N, C-alpha and C. Protein backbone atom coordinates (compact mmCIF):
# COMPACT_ATOMS: atom_id res chain seq x y z
N MET A 1 2.62 1.94 -17.17
CA MET A 1 3.53 1.33 -16.34
C MET A 1 4.37 0.39 -16.67
N SER A 2 5.71 0.54 -17.33
CA SER A 2 6.37 -0.19 -17.83
C SER A 2 7.13 -1.13 -16.66
N GLU A 3 7.75 -0.50 -15.50
CA GLU A 3 8.61 -1.09 -14.38
C GLU A 3 7.71 -0.69 -13.10
N PRO A 4 7.73 -1.85 -12.34
CA PRO A 4 7.25 -1.54 -10.96
C PRO A 4 8.06 -0.88 -10.13
N VAL A 5 7.26 0.00 -9.28
CA VAL A 5 8.36 0.93 -8.42
C VAL A 5 7.97 0.46 -6.57
N ILE A 6 8.96 -0.04 -5.97
CA ILE A 6 8.88 -0.59 -4.92
C ILE A 6 8.73 0.63 -3.88
N ALA A 7 7.69 0.50 -3.14
CA ALA A 7 7.53 1.56 -2.13
C ALA A 7 8.23 1.43 -0.73
N ALA A 8 8.51 -0.10 -0.53
CA ALA A 8 9.31 -0.01 0.73
C ALA A 8 9.64 -1.66 0.78
N HIS A 9 10.78 -1.87 1.27
CA HIS A 9 11.40 -3.38 1.22
C HIS A 9 11.05 -3.85 2.69
N LYS A 10 10.28 -3.70 3.25
CA LYS A 10 9.80 -4.10 4.51
C LYS A 10 7.98 -4.14 4.74
N PRO A 11 7.45 -4.92 5.53
CA PRO A 11 6.21 -4.77 5.88
C PRO A 11 5.72 -3.42 6.47
N ILE A 12 4.62 -2.62 6.65
CA ILE A 12 4.34 -1.82 7.01
C ILE A 12 2.92 -2.05 8.08
N LEU A 13 2.91 -1.57 9.34
CA LEU A 13 2.07 -1.87 10.30
C LEU A 13 0.84 -0.82 10.03
N VAL A 14 -0.22 -1.36 9.92
CA VAL A 14 -1.65 -0.44 9.65
C VAL A 14 -2.43 -1.05 10.69
N GLU A 15 -3.12 0.10 11.30
CA GLU A 15 -3.98 -0.22 12.53
C GLU A 15 -5.52 -0.21 11.53
N THR A 16 -6.26 -1.46 11.65
CA THR A 16 -7.44 -1.41 11.00
C THR A 16 -8.83 -1.52 11.96
N GLU A 17 -10.05 -1.32 11.59
CA GLU A 17 -11.16 -1.79 12.28
C GLU A 17 -11.85 -2.96 12.06
N ALA A 18 -12.35 -3.81 12.76
CA ALA A 18 -13.17 -4.78 12.40
C ALA A 18 -14.18 -4.28 11.77
N GLY A 19 -14.72 -5.37 10.61
CA GLY A 19 -16.07 -5.00 9.68
C GLY A 19 -15.76 -3.64 8.96
N LYS A 20 -14.70 -3.15 8.46
CA LYS A 20 -14.22 -2.36 7.68
C LYS A 20 -13.61 -3.19 6.65
N SER A 21 -13.82 -2.30 5.27
CA SER A 21 -13.25 -2.66 4.03
C SER A 21 -11.97 -1.48 4.07
N TYR A 22 -10.78 -2.40 3.50
CA TYR A 22 -9.78 -1.23 3.11
C TYR A 22 -8.92 -1.55 2.03
N PHE A 23 -8.61 -0.55 1.16
CA PHE A 23 -8.41 -0.77 -0.34
C PHE A 23 -6.80 0.01 -0.31
N TRP A 24 -5.93 -0.72 -1.22
CA TRP A 24 -4.70 0.25 -1.26
C TRP A 24 -4.07 0.01 -2.54
N CYS A 25 -3.29 0.72 -3.05
CA CYS A 25 -2.42 0.56 -4.54
C CYS A 25 -1.15 -0.04 -4.04
N SER A 26 -0.80 -1.40 -4.55
CA SER A 26 0.42 -1.90 -4.53
C SER A 26 1.05 -1.79 -5.70
N CYS A 27 1.16 -0.77 -6.30
CA CYS A 27 1.83 -0.72 -7.50
C CYS A 27 3.26 0.40 -7.26
N GLY A 28 3.17 0.81 -5.86
CA GLY A 28 4.36 1.86 -5.75
C GLY A 28 4.20 3.05 -6.28
N ARG A 29 3.05 3.55 -6.95
CA ARG A 29 2.96 4.88 -7.72
C ARG A 29 2.05 5.71 -7.12
N SER A 30 1.44 5.32 -6.15
CA SER A 30 0.66 5.95 -5.22
C SER A 30 1.25 7.12 -4.36
N LYS A 31 0.45 8.27 -4.50
CA LYS A 31 1.30 9.42 -3.70
C LYS A 31 0.77 9.17 -2.19
N ASN A 32 -0.14 8.34 -1.69
CA ASN A 32 -0.34 8.24 -0.28
C ASN A 32 -0.40 6.73 0.01
N GLN A 33 1.02 6.02 0.14
CA GLN A 33 1.40 4.78 0.37
C GLN A 33 0.97 4.53 1.59
N PRO A 34 0.38 3.31 1.88
CA PRO A 34 -0.01 2.86 3.45
C PRO A 34 1.18 2.90 4.28
């Protein structure tokens, strides 16, 4: 990965549940961005 890819220039609202762990890729190359 030579250059980062910006997935979005704004925050994204994600509904979460208390007590659960969430992991995501912040590189911008994921096929399933949050």
